[in-house]
Amino acid sequence: MKRIIVYYSLSGNTEEVVKTIAERLGCETLRIDTVKAMPKSFAARILVGGGQVVMNKIPEIKPIDIDFSLYDEIFIGTPIWNSKGVPAINAFLSDDDICRKVTGLIITSGGGDVEKCVKALEEKLPNVKYQVSLLDRKHKDYGLNDKKITTFIEDING
C-alpha cells in the first residue's frame, strides 16, 4: 500500500510528529506551504491565521508536483487554528479526488477543540478511518504522544 502524509506546520510541532509517524509507517511526506508567508511574530500569526479561519479564507499554496493518483491512501497532518484545520490544508483539500483518498487525520493541538476540527475536516473527507490527536511539545501532557502514535500505527497496520 502506497501512502503519503500531506501536512502543514508553522511552528514545527506538526512536522515533528508527521516525520515520526511517516518513519514508523514507511511512507512519504509532503509539506505544503502558502505562497504568502505567515508573519514572523507570534501575535501577528494568531491574528492573521485566526482571521483566515474565521473568514474562511483559502490562501494560495505553492505548486505541488506530485501525482496523487499513484497513492492508495493520503493522510492529512494539521495543527488546530481557531478550532479548525489550517487554511492551507483547506486549499489542498479543494480537489474531490484527493479528498476521497484521505483515510487518516493527524491533528496537533495546544489543547484546542479537537472534535470541532475533526468534524469540519470529516465533512470534506468521506473515507477517514484513522485519526490521532497529539499535543504540542509545550503542553504538559506531551509525553502521552508516543503511546497515541503507537496505537494509531497499530490501527492502520491492522
Protein backbone atom coordinates (compact mmCIF):
# COMPACT_ATOMS: atom_id res chain seq x y z
CA MET A 1 0.00 0.00 0.00
CA LYS A 2 1.47 3.34 -1.07
CA ARG A 3 0.81 6.16 1.39
CA ILE A 4 1.75 9.80 1.81
CA ILE A 5 1.24 12.25 4.67
CA VAL A 6 0.47 15.75 3.44
CA TYR A 7 0.89 18.32 6.18
CA TYR A 8 1.19 21.95 7.12
CA SER A 9 3.37 23.07 10.01
CA LEU A 10 4.03 26.64 11.07
CA SER A 11 5.90 26.16 14.35
CA GLY A 12 7.35 22.68 13.73
CA ASN A 13 5.07 20.73 16.07
CA THR A 14 3.07 19.07 13.31
CA GLU A 15 6.18 18.42 11.22
CA GLU A 16 7.86 16.68 14.16
CA VAL A 17 5.02 14.19 14.71
CA VAL A 18 4.42 13.66 10.99
CA LYS A 19 8.05 12.67 10.46
CA THR A 20 7.86 10.24 13.38
CA ILE A 21 4.68 8.65 12.04
CA ALA A 22 5.97 8.52 8.44
CA GLU A 23 9.15 6.77 9.56
CA ARG A 24 7.21 4.19 11.51
CA LEU A 25 4.67 3.64 8.71
CA GLY A 26 7.33 3.67 6.00
CA CYS A 27 5.54 6.31 3.95
CA GLU A 28 6.39 9.56 2.21
CA THR A 29 5.64 13.08 3.41
CA LEU A 30 4.83 16.33 1.66
CA ARG A 31 4.89 19.67 3.43
CA ILE A 32 2.60 22.25 1.90
CA ASP A 33 3.22 25.95 2.26
CA THR A 34 1.36 29.06 1.30
CA VAL A 35 2.64 31.40 -1.39
CA LYS A 36 2.41 34.31 1.04
CA ALA A 37 4.36 33.52 4.20
CA MET A 38 2.84 33.97 7.65
CA PRO A 39 4.18 36.85 9.77
CA LYS A 40 7.19 36.20 11.97
CA SER A 41 5.76 37.38 15.30
CA PHE A 42 3.54 35.04 17.30
CA ALA A 43 0.88 37.69 17.91
CA ALA A 44 0.67 38.57 14.21
CA ARG A 45 0.43 34.86 13.32
CA ILE A 46 -2.55 34.47 15.64
CA LEU A 47 -4.27 37.49 14.12
CA VAL A 48 -3.59 36.52 10.51
CA GLY A 49 -4.11 32.76 10.85
CA GLY A 50 -7.14 33.08 13.14
CA GLY A 51 -8.59 35.69 10.83
CA GLN A 52 -8.18 33.40 7.81
CA VAL A 53 -10.05 30.65 9.64
CA VAL A 54 -12.89 32.91 10.82
CA MET A 55 -13.30 34.48 7.37
CA ASN A 56 -12.97 31.08 5.65
CA LYS A 57 -10.14 32.49 3.52
CA ILE A 58 -8.39 29.92 1.36
CA PRO A 59 -4.81 31.02 0.65
CA GLU A 60 -2.87 30.11 -2.45
CA ILE A 61 -0.46 27.24 -1.79
CA LYS A 62 2.86 26.68 -3.50
CA PRO A 63 2.68 24.38 -6.53
CA ILE A 64 2.78 20.65 -5.86
CA ASP A 65 4.45 18.39 -8.39
CA ILE A 66 3.09 15.02 -7.26
CA ASP A 67 0.68 12.66 -8.97
CA PHE A 68 -1.66 11.70 -6.14
CA SER A 69 -3.31 9.02 -8.28
CA LEU A 70 -0.19 6.92 -7.56
CA TYR A 71 -1.10 6.74 -3.85
CA ASP A 72 -3.57 4.36 -2.24
CA GLU A 73 -4.02 6.49 0.87
CA ILE A 74 -3.38 10.06 1.88
CA PHE A 75 -3.10 11.18 5.50
CA ILE A 76 -3.50 14.82 6.48
CA GLY A 77 -1.39 16.44 9.21
CA THR A 78 -2.67 19.74 10.55
CA PRO A 79 -2.47 21.92 13.61
CA ILE A 80 -5.70 23.36 15.02
CA TRP A 81 -6.28 27.04 14.49
CA ASN A 82 -9.40 28.55 15.99
CA SER A 83 -10.85 25.03 16.49
CA LYS A 84 -10.43 24.11 12.80
CA GLY A 85 -7.77 22.84 10.41
CA VAL A 86 -5.50 25.44 8.88
CA PRO A 87 -6.45 27.32 5.70
CA ALA A 88 -3.50 25.85 3.75
CA ILE A 89 -4.89 22.35 4.33
CA ASN A 90 -8.30 23.55 3.14
CA ALA A 91 -6.63 24.81 -0.04
CA PHE A 92 -5.07 21.38 -0.59
CA LEU A 93 -8.41 19.69 0.04
CA SER A 94 -10.16 21.62 -2.73
CA ASP A 95 -9.71 18.60 -5.05
CA ASP A 96 -12.50 16.00 -4.65
CA ASP A 97 -10.31 13.13 -5.94
CA ILE A 98 -7.74 13.88 -3.25
CA CYS A 99 -10.44 14.17 -0.58
CA ARG A 100 -11.71 10.68 -1.41
CA LYS A 101 -8.21 9.22 -0.87
CA VAL A 102 -7.77 10.75 2.59
CA THR A 103 -8.13 7.98 5.17
CA GLY A 104 -6.26 9.41 8.14
CA LEU A 105 -6.01 12.59 10.20
CA ILE A 106 -3.07 13.65 12.34
CA ILE A 107 -4.07 16.67 14.39
CA THR A 108 -1.79 18.66 16.67
CA SER A 109 -3.11 20.95 19.34
CA GLY A 110 -2.08 23.09 22.23
CA GLY A 111 -5.28 21.96 23.92
CA GLY A 112 -7.86 23.23 21.42
CA ASP A 113 -11.21 21.80 20.39
CA VAL A 114 -10.11 18.66 18.53
CA GLU A 115 -13.64 17.34 17.99
CA LYS A 116 -14.74 20.52 16.19
CA CYS A 117 -11.68 20.36 13.94
CA VAL A 118 -12.24 16.66 13.15
CA LYS A 119 -15.91 17.28 12.39
CA ALA A 120 -15.08 20.13 9.99
CA LEU A 121 -12.47 18.01 8.17
CA GLU A 122 -14.61 14.87 8.03
CA GLU A 123 -17.37 16.83 6.25
CA LYS A 124 -14.94 17.12 3.32
CA LEU A 125 -13.34 13.70 3.76
CA PRO A 126 -15.81 10.82 3.39
CA ASN A 127 -13.31 7.98 3.87
CA VAL A 128 -11.47 8.84 7.10
CA LYS A 129 -10.85 5.66 9.08
CA TYR A 130 -7.93 6.64 11.30
CA GLN A 131 -7.25 9.66 13.43
CA VAL A 132 -4.90 10.73 16.16
CA SER A 133 -4.88 13.88 18.24
CA LEU A 134 -1.46 14.90 19.54
CA LEU A 135 -0.36 17.67 21.86
CA ASP A 136 2.17 20.41 21.12
CA ARG A 137 5.60 19.94 22.64
CA LYS A 138 4.93 22.77 25.11
CA HIS A 139 1.85 21.03 26.56
CA LYS A 140 2.21 19.36 29.97
CA ASP A 141 0.87 16.04 28.60
CA TYR A 142 3.13 15.98 25.54
CA GLY A 143 4.69 12.74 26.83
CA LEU A 144 1.46 10.86 26.02
CA ASN A 145 2.00 11.37 22.28
CA ASP A 146 4.22 8.34 21.78
CA LYS A 147 1.56 5.94 23.05
CA LYS A 148 -1.07 7.63 20.87
CA ILE A 149 1.19 7.37 17.83
CA THR A 150 1.82 3.68 18.51
CA THR A 151 -1.93 2.98 18.75
CA PHE A 152 -2.58 5.00 15.56
CA ILE A 153 0.01 3.00 13.63
CA GLU A 154 -1.26 -0.32 15.00
CA ASP A 155 -4.79 0.61 13.87
CA ILE A 156 -3.54 1.36 10.36
CA ASN A 157 -1.42 -1.78 10.08
CA GLY A 158 -4.24 -3.94 11.44
